[in-house]
PDB file of N, CA and C in Angstrom:
ATOM      1  N   UNK A   1    -224.615   1.438 -74.560  1.00  0.00           N
ATOM      2  CA  UNK A   1    -224.732   0.030 -73.912  1.00  0.00           C
ATOM      3  C   UNK A   1    -223.661   0.137 -72.916  1.00  0.00           C
ATOM      4  N   UNK A   2    -223.698  -0.322 -71.590  1.00  0.00           N
ATOM      5  CA  UNK A   2    -222.564  -0.509 -70.496  1.00  0.00           C
ATOM      6  C   UNK A   2    -222.154  -1.606 -70.629  1.00  0.00           C
ATOM      7  N   UNK A   3    -221.154  -1.979 -69.497  1.00  0.00           N
ATOM      8  CA  UNK A   3    -220.438  -3.519 -69.273  1.00  0.00           C
ATOM      9  C   UNK A   3    -221.564  -4.595 -69.546  1.00  0.00           C
ATOM     10  N   UNK A   4    -221.143  -5.865 -69.965  1.00  0.00           N
ATOM     11  CA  UNK A   4    -222.123  -6.790 -70.323  1.00  0.00           C
ATOM     12  C   UNK A   4    -223.266  -6.873 -71.091  1.00  0.00           C
ATOM     13  N   UNK A   5    -223.263  -5.630 -71.944  1.00  0.00           N
ATOM     14  CA  UNK A   5    -224.576  -5.581 -72.686  1.00  0.00           C
ATOM     15  C   UNK A   5    -225.786  -4.889 -72.108  1.00  0.00           C
ATOM     16  N   UNK A   6    -225.614  -4.447 -70.772  1.00  0.00           N
ATOM     17  CA  UNK A   6    -226.548  -3.824 -69.918  1.00  0.00           C
ATOM     18  C   UNK A   6    -226.753  -2.062 -70.582  1.00  0.00           C
ATOM     19  N   UNK A   7    -227.893  -1.757 -70.720  1.00  0.00           N
ATOM     20  CA  UNK A   7    -228.153  -0.431 -71.128  1.00  0.00           C
ATOM     21  C   UNK A   7    -228.222   0.389 -69.836  1.00  0.00           C
ATOM     22  N   UNK A   8    -228.142   1.750 -70.020  1.00  0.00           N
ATOM     23  CA  UNK A   8    -228.259   2.585 -68.960  1.00  0.00           C
ATOM     24  C   UNK A   8    -229.739   2.601 -68.611  1.00  0.00           C
ATOM     25  N   UNK A   9    -230.559   2.277 -69.461  1.00  0.00           N
ATOM     26  CA  UNK A   9    -232.105   2.428 -69.044  1.00  0.00           C
ATOM     27  C   UNK A   9    -232.557   1.307 -68.267  1.00  0.00           C
ATOM     28  N   UNK A  10    -231.943   0.208 -68.207  1.00  0.00           N
ATOM     29  CA  UNK A  10    -231.978  -0.985 -67.437  1.00  0.00           C
ATOM     30  C   UNK A  10    -231.409  -0.610 -65.997  1.00  0.00           C
ATOM     31  N   UNK A  11    -230.247  -0.311 -66.164  1.00  0.00           N
ATOM     32  CA  UNK A  11    -229.794   0.119 -64.707  1.00  0.00           C
ATOM     33  C   UNK A  11    -230.712   0.970 -63.935  1.00  0.00           C
ATOM     34  N   UNK A  12    -230.958   2.049 -64.434  1.00  0.00           N
ATOM     35  CA  UNK A  12    -231.849   3.050 -64.188  1.00  0.00           C
ATOM     36  C   UNK A  12    -233.211   2.604 -63.473  1.00  0.00           C
ATOM     37  N   UNK A  13    -233.876   1.523 -64.232  1.00  0.00           N
ATOM     38  CA  UNK A  13    -235.015   0.909 -63.922  1.00  0.00           C
ATOM     39  C   UNK A  13    -234.703  -0.080 -62.762  1.00  0.00           C
ATOM     40  N   UNK A  14    -233.537  -0.572 -62.915  1.00  0.00           N
ATOM     41  CA  UNK A  14    -233.305  -1.664 -61.648  1.00  0.00           C
ATOM     42  C   UNK A  14    -233.483  -0.712 -60.262  1.00  0.00           C
ATOM     43  N   UNK A  15    -232.528   0.378 -60.443  1.00  0.00           N
ATOM     44  CA  UNK A  15    -232.349   1.221 -59.210  1.00  0.00           C
ATOM     45  C   UNK A  15    -233.684   1.506 -58.591  1.00  0.00           C
ATOM     46  N   UNK A  16    -234.497   1.976 -59.526  1.00  0.00           N
ATOM     47  CA  UNK A  16    -236.092   2.524 -59.484  1.00  0.00           C
ATOM     48  C   UNK A  16    -236.880   1.285 -58.738  1.00  0.00           C
ATOM     49  N   UNK A  17    -236.790   0.186 -59.245  1.00  0.00           N
ATOM     50  CA  UNK A  17    -237.318  -0.891 -58.552  1.00  0.00           C
ATOM     51  C   UNK A  17    -236.842  -1.179 -56.965  1.00  0.00           C
ATOM     52  N   UNK A  18    -235.452  -1.152 -57.032  1.00  0.00           N
ATOM     53  CA  UNK A  18    -234.939  -1.363 -55.835  1.00  0.00           C
ATOM     54  C   UNK A  18    -235.336  -0.378 -54.915  1.00  0.00           C
ATOM     55  N   UNK A  19    -235.370   0.847 -55.083  1.00  0.00           N
ATOM     56  CA  UNK A  19    -235.961   1.850 -54.191  1.00  0.00           C
ATOM     57  C   UNK A  19    -237.472   1.626 -53.791  1.00  0.00           C
ATOM     58  N   UNK A  20    -238.144   1.307 -54.603  1.00  0.00           N
ATOM     59  CA  UNK A  20    -239.662   0.969 -54.352  1.00  0.00           C
ATOM     60  C   UNK A  20    -239.813  -0.193 -53.467  1.00  0.00           C
ATOM     61  N   UNK A  21    -238.926  -1.258 -53.827  1.00  0.00           N
ATOM     62  CA  UNK A  21    -238.698  -2.372 -52.691  1.00  0.00           C
ATOM     63  C   UNK A  21    -238.320  -2.436 -51.607  1.00  0.00           C
ATOM     64  N   UNK A  22    -237.232  -1.370 -51.438  1.00  0.00           N
ATOM     65  CA  UNK A  22    -236.708  -1.043 -50.049  1.00  0.00           C
ATOM     66  C   UNK A  22    -237.722  -0.344 -49.259  1.00  0.00           C
ATOM     67  N   UNK A  23    -238.544   0.231 -49.849  1.00  0.00           N
ATOM     68  CA  UNK A  23    -239.618   0.988 -48.893  1.00  0.00           C
ATOM     69  C   UNK A  23    -240.504  -0.203 -47.956  1.00  0.00           C
ATOM     70  N   UNK A  24    -240.650  -1.128 -48.357  1.00  0.00           N
ATOM     71  CA  UNK A  24    -241.127  -2.377 -47.622  1.00  0.00           C
ATOM     72  C   UNK A  24    -242.371  -2.534 -48.485  1.00  0.00           C
ATOM     73  N   UNK A  25    -242.801  -4.002 -48.064  1.00  0.00           N
ATOM     74  CA  UNK A  25    -243.815  -4.472 -48.654  1.00  0.00           C
ATOM     75  C   UNK A  25    -245.065  -3.809 -48.170  1.00  0.00           C
ATOM     76  N   UNK A  26    -245.359  -3.538 -46.795  1.00  0.00           N
ATOM     77  CA  UNK A  26    -246.372  -2.667 -46.424  1.00  0.00           C
ATOM     78  C   UNK A  26    -246.697  -1.092 -46.958  1.00  0.00           C
ATOM     79  N   UNK A  27    -245.686  -0.767 -47.480  1.00  0.00           N
ATOM     80  CA  UNK A  27    -245.693   0.691 -47.898  1.00  0.00           C
ATOM     81  C   UNK A  27    -246.367   0.248 -49.651  1.00  0.00           C
ATOM     82  N   UNK A  28    -246.435  -1.047 -50.040  1.00  0.00           N
ATOM     83  CA  UNK A  28    -247.116  -1.375 -50.975  1.00  0.00           C
ATOM     84  C   UNK A  28    -248.489  -2.193 -50.897  1.00  0.00           C
ATOM     85  N   UNK A  29    -248.989  -1.795 -49.737  1.00  0.00           N
ATOM     86  CA  UNK A  29    -250.246  -2.475 -49.425  1.00  0.00           C
ATOM     87  C   UNK A  29    -250.283  -3.999 -48.837  1.00  0.00           C
ATOM     88  N   UNK A  30    -249.260  -4.452 -48.312  1.00  0.00           N
ATOM     89  CA  UNK A  30    -249.039  -5.649 -47.797  1.00  0.00           C
ATOM     90  C   UNK A  30    -249.387  -5.462 -46.436  1.00  0.00           C
ATOM     91  N   UNK A  31    -250.656  -6.007 -45.797  1.00  0.00           N
ATOM     92  CA  UNK A  31    -250.589  -6.059 -44.509  1.00  0.00           C
ATOM     93  C   UNK A  31    -249.652  -6.979 -43.627  1.00  0.00           C
ATOM     94  N   UNK A  32    -249.253  -7.870 -44.035  1.00  0.00           N
ATOM     95  CA  UNK A  32    -248.375  -8.617 -43.323  1.00  0.00           C
ATOM     96  C   UNK A  32    -247.014  -8.134 -43.304  1.00  0.00           C
ATOM     97  N   UNK A  33    -246.709  -7.467 -44.379  1.00  0.00           N
ATOM     98  CA  UNK A  33    -245.485  -6.664 -44.504  1.00  0.00           C
ATOM     99  C   UNK A  33    -244.309  -8.113 -45.196  1.00  0.00           C
ATOM    100  N   UNK A  34    -244.843  -8.861 -45.870  1.00  0.00           N
ATOM    101  CA  UNK A  34    -243.921  -9.795 -46.372  1.00  0.00           C
ATOM    102  C   UNK A  34    -244.080  -9.532 -48.245  1.00  0.00           C
ATOM    103  N   UNK A  35    -242.857  -9.971 -48.714  1.00  0.00           N
ATOM    104  CA  UNK A  35    -243.053  -9.872 -50.148  1.00  0.00           C
ATOM    105  C   UNK A  35    -243.320 -11.466 -50.754  1.00  0.00           C
ATOM    106  N   UNK A  36    -243.998 -11.285 -51.832  1.00  0.00           N
ATOM    107  CA  UNK A  36    -244.399 -12.666 -52.505  1.00  0.00           C
ATOM    108  C   UNK A  36    -243.937 -12.335 -53.849  1.00  0.00           C
ATOM    109  N   UNK A  37    -243.566 -13.290 -54.949  1.00  0.00           N
ATOM    110  CA  UNK A  37    -243.250 -13.045 -56.085  1.00  0.00           C
ATOM    111  C   UNK A  37    -244.168 -12.164 -56.752  1.00  0.00           C
ATOM    112  N   UNK A  38    -245.919 -12.310 -56.572  1.00  0.00           N
ATOM    113  CA  UNK A  38    -246.896 -11.813 -57.314  1.00  0.00           C
ATOM    114  C   UNK A  38    -246.729 -10.116 -56.740  1.00  0.00           C
ATOM    115  N   UNK A  39    -246.464  -9.669 -55.668  1.00  0.00           N
ATOM    116  CA  UNK A  39    -246.405  -8.643 -55.114  1.00  0.00           C
ATOM    117  C   UNK A  39    -245.066  -7.825 -55.760  1.00  0.00           C
ATOM    118  N   UNK A  40    -243.789  -8.544 -55.680  1.00  0.00           N
ATOM    119  CA  UNK A  40    -242.814  -7.864 -56.098  1.00  0.00           C
ATOM    120  C   UNK A  40    -243.008  -7.558 -57.992  1.00  0.00           C
ATOM    121  N   UNK A  41    -243.829  -8.487 -58.281  1.00  0.00           N
ATOM    122  CA  UNK A  41    -244.054  -8.236 -59.897  1.00  0.00           C
ATOM    123  C   UNK A  41    -244.860  -7.086 -60.442  1.00  0.00           C
ATOM    124  N   UNK A  42    -246.100  -6.780 -59.222  1.00  0.00           N
ATOM    125  CA  UNK A  42    -246.785  -5.736 -59.307  1.00  0.00           C
ATOM    126  C   UNK A  42    -246.098  -4.347 -59.090  1.00  0.00           C
ATOM    127  N   UNK A  43    -245.243  -4.452 -58.042  1.00  0.00           N
ATOM    128  CA  UNK A  43    -244.157  -3.129 -58.025  1.00  0.00           C
ATOM    129  C   UNK A  43    -243.609  -2.980 -59.483  1.00  0.00           C
ATOM    130  N   UNK A  44    -243.005  -4.141 -59.757  1.00  0.00           N
ATOM    131  CA  UNK A  44    -242.350  -3.983 -61.121  1.00  0.00           C
ATOM    132  C   UNK A  44    -242.932  -3.354 -62.207  1.00  0.00           C
ATOM    133  N   UNK A  45    -244.215  -3.809 -62.328  1.00  0.00           N
ATOM    134  CA  UNK A  45    -244.924  -3.341 -63.489  1.00  0.00           C
ATOM    135  C   UNK A  45    -245.522  -2.034 -63.152  1.00  0.00           C
ATOM    136  N   UNK A  46    -245.640  -1.401 -61.693  1.00  0.00           N
ATOM    137  CA  UNK A  46    -246.181  -0.118 -61.440  1.00  0.00           C
ATOM    138  C   UNK A  46    -245.037   0.921 -61.826  1.00  0.00           C
ATOM    139  N   UNK A  47    -243.719   0.615 -61.506  1.00  0.00           N
ATOM    140  CA  UNK A  47    -242.763   1.574 -61.651  1.00  0.00           C
ATOM    141  C   UNK A  47    -241.923   1.617 -62.804  1.00  0.00           C
ATOM    142  N   UNK A  48    -242.085   0.307 -63.594  1.00  0.00           N
ATOM    143  CA  UNK A  48    -241.313   0.354 -64.731  1.00  0.00           C
ATOM    144  C   UNK A  48    -242.294   0.088 -66.209  1.00  0.00           C
ATOM    145  N   UNK A  49    -243.568  -0.011 -65.829  1.00  0.00           N
ATOM    146  CA  UNK A  49    -244.603  -0.338 -66.896  1.00  0.00           C
ATOM    147  C   UNK A  49    -244.114  -1.906 -67.755  1.00  0.00           C
ATOM    148  N   UNK A  50    -243.389  -2.546 -66.854  1.00  0.00           N
ATOM    149  CA  UNK A  50    -242.728  -3.832 -67.589  1.00  0.00           C
ATOM    150  C   UNK A  50    -243.654  -5.034 -66.702  1.00  0.00           C
ATOM    151  N   UNK A  51    -244.157  -5.853 -67.455  1.00  0.00           N
ATOM    152  CA  UNK A  51    -245.065  -7.255 -66.785  1.00  0.00           C
ATOM    153  C   UNK A  51    -243.942  -8.422 -67.008  1.00  0.00           C
ATOM    154  N   UNK A  52    -244.233  -8.732 -65.911  1.00  0.00           N
ATOM    155  CA  UNK A  52    -243.162 -10.194 -65.671  1.00  0.00           C
ATOM    156  C   UNK A  52    -244.037 -11.164 -64.916  1.00  0.00           C
ATOM    157  N   UNK A  53    -243.988 -12.169 -65.365  1.00  0.00           N
ATOM    158  CA  UNK A  53    -244.712 -13.473 -64.782  1.00  0.00           C
ATOM    159  C   UNK A  53    -243.944 -13.608 -63.253  1.00  0.00           C
ATOM    160  N   UNK A  54    -244.503 -14.549 -62.714  1.00  0.00           N
ATOM    161  CA  UNK A  54    -243.883 -14.796 -61.325  1.00  0.00           C
ATOM    162  C   UNK A  54    -242.549 -15.223 -61.370  1.00  0.00           C
ATOM    163  N   UNK A  55    -242.285 -16.349 -62.522  1.00  0.00           N
ATOM    164  CA  UNK A  55    -240.816 -17.051 -62.426  1.00  0.00           C
ATOM    165  C   UNK A  55    -240.098 -15.901 -63.044  1.00  0.00           C
ATOM    166  N   UNK A  56    -240.576 -14.857 -64.012  1.00  0.00           N
ATOM    167  CA  UNK A  56    -239.462 -14.045 -64.247  1.00  0.00           C
ATOM    168  C   UNK A  56    -239.115 -13.170 -63.156  1.00  0.00           C
ATOM    169  N   UNK A  57    -239.722 -12.943 -62.373  1.00  0.00           N
ATOM    170  CA  UNK A  57    -239.406 -12.057 -61.268  1.00  0.00           C
ATOM    171  C   UNK A  57    -238.100 -12.605 -60.555  1.00  0.00           C
ATOM    172  N   UNK A  58    -237.961 -13.466 -60.425  1.00  0.00           N
ATOM    173  CA  UNK A  58    -236.902 -14.273 -59.604  1.00  0.00           C
ATOM    174  C   UNK A  58    -235.479 -13.804 -60.221  1.00  0.00           C
ATOM    175  N   UNK A  59    -235.397 -13.718 -61.529  1.00  0.00           N
ATOM    176  CA  UNK A  59    -234.164 -13.299 -62.280  1.00  0.00           C
ATOM    177  C   UNK A  59    -233.668 -11.847 -62.028  1.00  0.00           C
ATOM    178  N   UNK A  60    -234.336 -10.980 -62.215  1.00  0.00           N
ATOM    179  CA  UNK A  60    -234.109  -9.469 -61.684  1.00  0.00           C
ATOM    180  C   UNK A  60    -234.022  -9.535 -60.295  1.00  0.00           C
ATOM    181  N   UNK A  61    -234.505 -10.371 -59.471  1.00  0.00           N
ATOM    182  CA  UNK A  61    -234.281 -10.041 -58.164  1.00  0.00           C
ATOM    183  C   UNK A  61    -232.743 -10.393 -57.857  1.00  0.00           C
ATOM    184  N   UNK A  62    -232.325 -11.557 -58.359  1.00  0.00           N
ATOM    185  CA  UNK A  62    -231.325 -12.186 -57.839  1.00  0.00           C
ATOM    186  C   UNK A  62    -230.081 -11.396 -58.776  1.00  0.00           C
ATOM    187  N   UNK A  63    -230.189 -10.998 -60.064  1.00  0.00           N
ATOM    188  CA  UNK A  63    -229.095 -10.807 -61.035  1.00  0.00           C
ATOM    189  C   UNK A  63    -228.882  -9.141 -60.825  1.00  0.00           C
ATOM    190  N   UNK A  64    -230.063  -8.447 -60.760  1.00  0.00           N
ATOM    191  CA  UNK A  64    -229.664  -7.178 -60.776  1.00  0.00           C
ATOM    192  C   UNK A  64    -229.615  -6.439 -59.399  1.00  0.00           C
ATOM    193  N   UNK A  65    -230.506  -7.058 -58.508  1.00  0.00           N
ATOM    194  CA  UNK A  65    -230.646  -6.268 -57.180  1.00  0.00           C
ATOM    195  C   UNK A  65    -229.852  -7.291 -56.252  1.00  0.00           C
ATOM    196  N   UNK A  66    -229.513  -8.606 -56.326  1.00  0.00           N
ATOM    197  CA  UNK A  66    -228.772  -9.245 -55.508  1.00  0.00           C
ATOM    198  C   UNK A  66    -229.507  -9.566 -54.589  1.00  0.00           C
ATOM    199  N   UNK A  67    -230.834  -9.971 -54.687  1.00  0.00           N
ATOM    200  CA  UNK A  67    -231.558 -10.164 -53.474  1.00  0.00           C
ATOM    201  C   UNK A  67    -231.872 -12.072 -54.026  1.00  0.00           C
ATOM    202  N   UNK A  68    -232.539 -12.343 -52.731  1.00  0.00           N
ATOM    203  CA  UNK A  68    -232.647 -13.938 -52.688  1.00  0.00           C
ATOM    204  C   UNK A  68    -234.017 -14.231 -52.652  1.00  0.00           C
ATOM    205  N   UNK A  69    -234.437 -15.333 -52.893  1.00  0.00           N
ATOM    206  CA  UNK A  69    -235.880 -15.607 -52.824  1.00  0.00           C
ATOM    207  C   UNK A  69    -235.860 -16.497 -51.584  1.00  0.00           C
ATOM    208  N   UNK A  70    -236.701 -16.005 -50.655  1.00  0.00           N
ATOM    209  CA  UNK A  70    -236.600 -16.996 -49.285  1.00  0.00           C
ATOM    210  C   UNK A  70    -238.240 -17.551 -49.014  1.00  0.00           C
ATOM    211  N   UNK A  71    -238.050 -18.357 -48.148  1.00  0.00           N
ATOM    212  CA  UNK A  71    -239.571 -18.767 -47.694  1.00  0.00           C
ATOM    213  C   UNK A  71    -239.653 -18.556 -46.467  1.00  0.00           C
ATOM    214  N   UNK A  72    -240.470 -18.034 -45.791  1.00  0.00           N
ATOM    215  CA  UNK A  72    -240.865 -17.838 -44.153  1.00  0.00           C
ATOM    216  C   UNK A  72    -240.608 -19.008 -43.401  1.00  0.00           C
ATOM    217  N   UNK A  73    -239.970 -19.323 -42.337  1.00  0.00           N
ATOM    218  CA  UNK A  73    -239.733 -20.298 -41.622  1.00  0.00           C
ATOM    219  C   UNK A  73    -241.186 -20.801 -41.187  1.00  0.00           C
ATOM    220  N   UNK A  74    -241.113 -22.010 -40.575  1.00  0.00           N
ATOM    221  CA  UNK A  74    -242.535 -22.641 -39.794  1.00  0.00           C
ATOM    222  C   UNK A  74    -243.026 -21.782 -38.989  1.00  0.00           C
ATOM    223  N   UNK A  75    -244.311 -21.456 -39.038  1.00  0.00           N
ATOM    224  CA  UNK A  75    -245.338 -20.690 -38.157  1.00  0.00           C
ATOM    225  C   UNK A  75    -245.323 -21.560 -36.801  1.00  0.00           C
ATOM    226  N   UNK A  76    -245.059 -20.655 -35.763  1.00  0.00           N
ATOM    227  CA  UNK A  76    -245.234 -21.252 -34.258  1.00  0.00           C
ATOM    228  C   UNK A  76    -246.611 -20.995 -33.672  1.00  0.00           C
ATOM    229  N   UNK A  77    -247.050 -22.106 -32.867  1.00  0.00           N
ATOM    230  CA  UNK A  77    -248.520 -21.844 -32.305  1.00  0.00           C
ATOM    231  C   UNK A  77    -248.711 -20.469 -31.475  1.00  0.00           C
ATOM    232  N   UNK A  78    -249.891 -19.840 -31.589  1.00  0.00           N
ATOM    233  CA  UNK A  78    -250.178 -18.589 -30.960  1.00  0.00           C
ATOM    234  C   UNK A  78    -249.666 -18.715 -29.167  1.00  0.00           C
ATOM    235  N   UNK A  79    -250.428 -19.925 -28.932  1.00  0.00           N
ATOM    236  CA  UNK A  79    -250.433 -20.375 -27.423  1.00  0.00           C
ATOM    237  C   UNK A  79    -249.009 -21.298 -27.043  1.00  0.00           C
ATOM    238  N   UNK A  80    -248.000 -21.215 -27.692  1.00  0.00           N
ATOM    239  CA  UNK A  80    -246.383 -21.722 -27.489  1.00  0.00           C
ATOM    240  C   UNK A  80    -246.131 -21.282 -25.794  1.00  0.00           C
ATOM    241  N   UNK A  81    -245.592 -22.433 -25.162  1.00  0.00           N
ATOM    242  CA  UNK A  81    -245.313 -22.131 -23.900  1.00  0.00           C
ATOM    243  C   UNK A  81    -243.973 -22.495 -23.909  1.00  0.00           C
ATOM    244  N   UNK A  82    -243.092 -21.313 -24.058  1.00  0.00           N
ATOM    245  CA  UNK A  82    -241.667 -21.539 -24.116  1.00  0.00           C
ATOM    246  C   UNK A  82    -240.730 -22.263 -22.934  1.00  0.00           C
ATOM    247  N   UNK A  83    -241.175 -21.516 -21.604  1.00  0.00           N
ATOM    248  CA  UNK A  83    -240.635 -22.262 -20.660  1.00  0.00           C
ATOM    249  C   UNK A  83    -240.725 -23.776 -20.353  1.00  0.00           C
ATOM    250  N   UNK A  84    -242.260 -24.088 -20.808  1.00  0.00           N
ATOM    251  CA  UNK A  84    -242.591 -25.519 -20.722  1.00  0.00           C
ATOM    252  C   UNK A  84    -241.816 -26.184 -21.610  1.00  0.00           C
ATOM    253  N   UNK A  85    -241.718 -25.820 -22.782  1.00  0.00           N
ATOM    254  CA  UNK A  85    -240.825 -26.447 -23.664  1.00  0.00           C
ATOM    255  C   UNK A  85    -239.539 -26.832 -23.458  1.00  0.00           C
ATOM    256  N   UNK A  86    -238.961 -25.534 -22.939  1.00  0.00           N
ATOM    257  CA  UNK A  86    -237.497 -25.773 -22.566  1.00  0.00           C
ATOM    258  C   UNK A  86    -237.470 -26.706 -21.182  1.00  0.00           C
ATOM    259  N   UNK A  87    -238.368 -26.803 -20.286  1.00  0.00           N
ATOM    260  CA  UNK A  87    -238.442 -27.648 -19.219  1.00  0.00           C
ATOM    261  C   UNK A  87    -238.346 -29.267 -19.804  1.00  0.00           C
ATOM    262  N   UNK A  88    -239.261 -29.574 -20.819  1.00  0.00           N
ATOM    263  CA  UNK A  88    -239.682 -30.851 -21.312  1.00  0.00           C
ATOM    264  C   UNK A  88    -238.486 -31.174 -22.002  1.00  0.00           C
ATOM    265  N   UNK A  89    -237.537 -30.352 -22.881  1.00  0.00           N
ATOM    266  CA  UNK A  89    -236.266 -30.704 -23.530  1.00  0.00           C
ATOM    267  C   UNK A  89    -235.378 -31.092 -22.451  1.00  0.00           C
ATOM    268  N   UNK A  90    -235.171 -30.380 -21.418  1.00  0.00           N
ATOM    269  CA  UNK A  90    -234.217 -30.596 -20.454  1.00  0.00           C
ATOM    270  C   UNK A  90    -234.459 -31.722 -19.489  1.00  0.00           C
ATOM    271  N   UNK A  91    -235.407 -32.146 -19.392  1.00  0.00           N
ATOM    272  CA  UNK A  91    -236.049 -33.194 -18.369  1.00  0.00           C
ATOM    273  C   UNK A  91    -236.503 -34.370 -19.178  1.00  0.00           C
ATOM    274  N   UNK A  92    -237.310 -34.154 -20.024  1.00  0.00           N
ATOM    275  CA  UNK A  92    -238.240 -35.294 -20.613  1.00  0.00           C
ATOM    276  C   UNK A  92    -237.307 -35.799 -21.690  1.00  0.00           C
ATOM    277  N   UNK A  93    -236.946 -35.300 -22.767  1.00  0.00           N
ATOM    278  CA  UNK A  93    -236.340 -35.801 -23.737  1.00  0.00           C
ATOM    279  C   UNK A  93    -235.055 -36.472 -23.656  1.00  0.00           C
ATOM    280  N   UNK A  94    -234.179 -36.229 -22.639  1.00  0.00           N
ATOM    281  CA  UNK A  94    -232.744 -37.046 -22.416  1.00  0.00           C
ATOM    282  C   UNK A  94    -233.451 -38.507 -21.885  1.00  0.00           C
ATOM    283  N   UNK A  95    -234.492 -38.637 -21.104  1.00  0.00           N
ATOM    284  CA  UNK A  95    -234.909 -39.902 -20.491  1.00  0.00           C
ATOM    285  C   UNK A  95    -235.253 -40.465 -21.787  1.00  0.00           C
ATOM    286  N   UNK A  96    -236.327 -39.939 -22.439  1.00  0.00           N
ATOM    287  CA  UNK A  96    -236.539 -40.643 -23.784  1.00  0.00           C
ATOM    288  C   UNK A  96    -235.604 -41.123 -25.110  1.00  0.00           C
ATOM    289  N   UNK A  97    -234.748 -40.426 -25.032  1.00  0.00           N
ATOM    290  CA  UNK A  97    -233.584 -40.573 -25.809  1.00  0.00           C
ATOM    291  C   UNK A  97    -232.423 -41.961 -25.231  1.00  0.00           C
ATOM    292  N   UNK A  98    -232.702 -41.827 -24.035  1.00  0.00           N
ATOM    293  CA  UNK A  98    -231.616 -43.003 -23.267  1.00  0.00           C
ATOM    294  C   UNK A  98    -232.577 -44.365 -23.406  1.00  0.00           C
ATOM    295  N   UNK A  99    -233.810 -44.330 -23.398  1.00  0.00           N
ATOM    296  CA  UNK A  99    -234.432 -45.572 -23.710  1.00  0.00           C
ATOM    297  C   UNK A  99    -234.437 -46.136 -25.285  1.00  0.00           C
ATOM    298  N   UNK A 100    -234.032 -45.178 -26.242  1.00  0.00           N
ATOM    299  CA  UNK A 100    -233.758 -45.506 -27.158  1.00  0.00           C
ATOM    300  C   UNK A 100    -234.770 -46.169 -28.559  1.00  0.00           C
ATOM    301  N   UNK A 101    -234.579 -46.625 -29.579  1.00  0.00           N
ATOM    302  CA  UNK A 101    -235.919 -47.197 -30.215  1.00  0.00           C
ATOM    303  C   UNK A 101    -236.510 -48.346 -30.075  1.00  0.00           C
TER     304      UNK A 101
END
């Protein structure tokens, strides 16, 4: 046992998982390249033979690997017209805001 009751085997497994995850989600079959708890759990199971539920995947990510669980931001429309949006914000929004509620 090492510090805080952590075994050498646990540290070795954590580093093996870290190395596998750092290869990226696409290296593990995700077309979008995004991690989900289920995908991380599958990698953990593959490299360590330890099965974790979705909720249990968060703890090792946060504690051992110091990773955080994030959600992707809102998706933007494919046909989004950035210059038109900027024009609207610059010209129309101030006029609407001046009128008030």
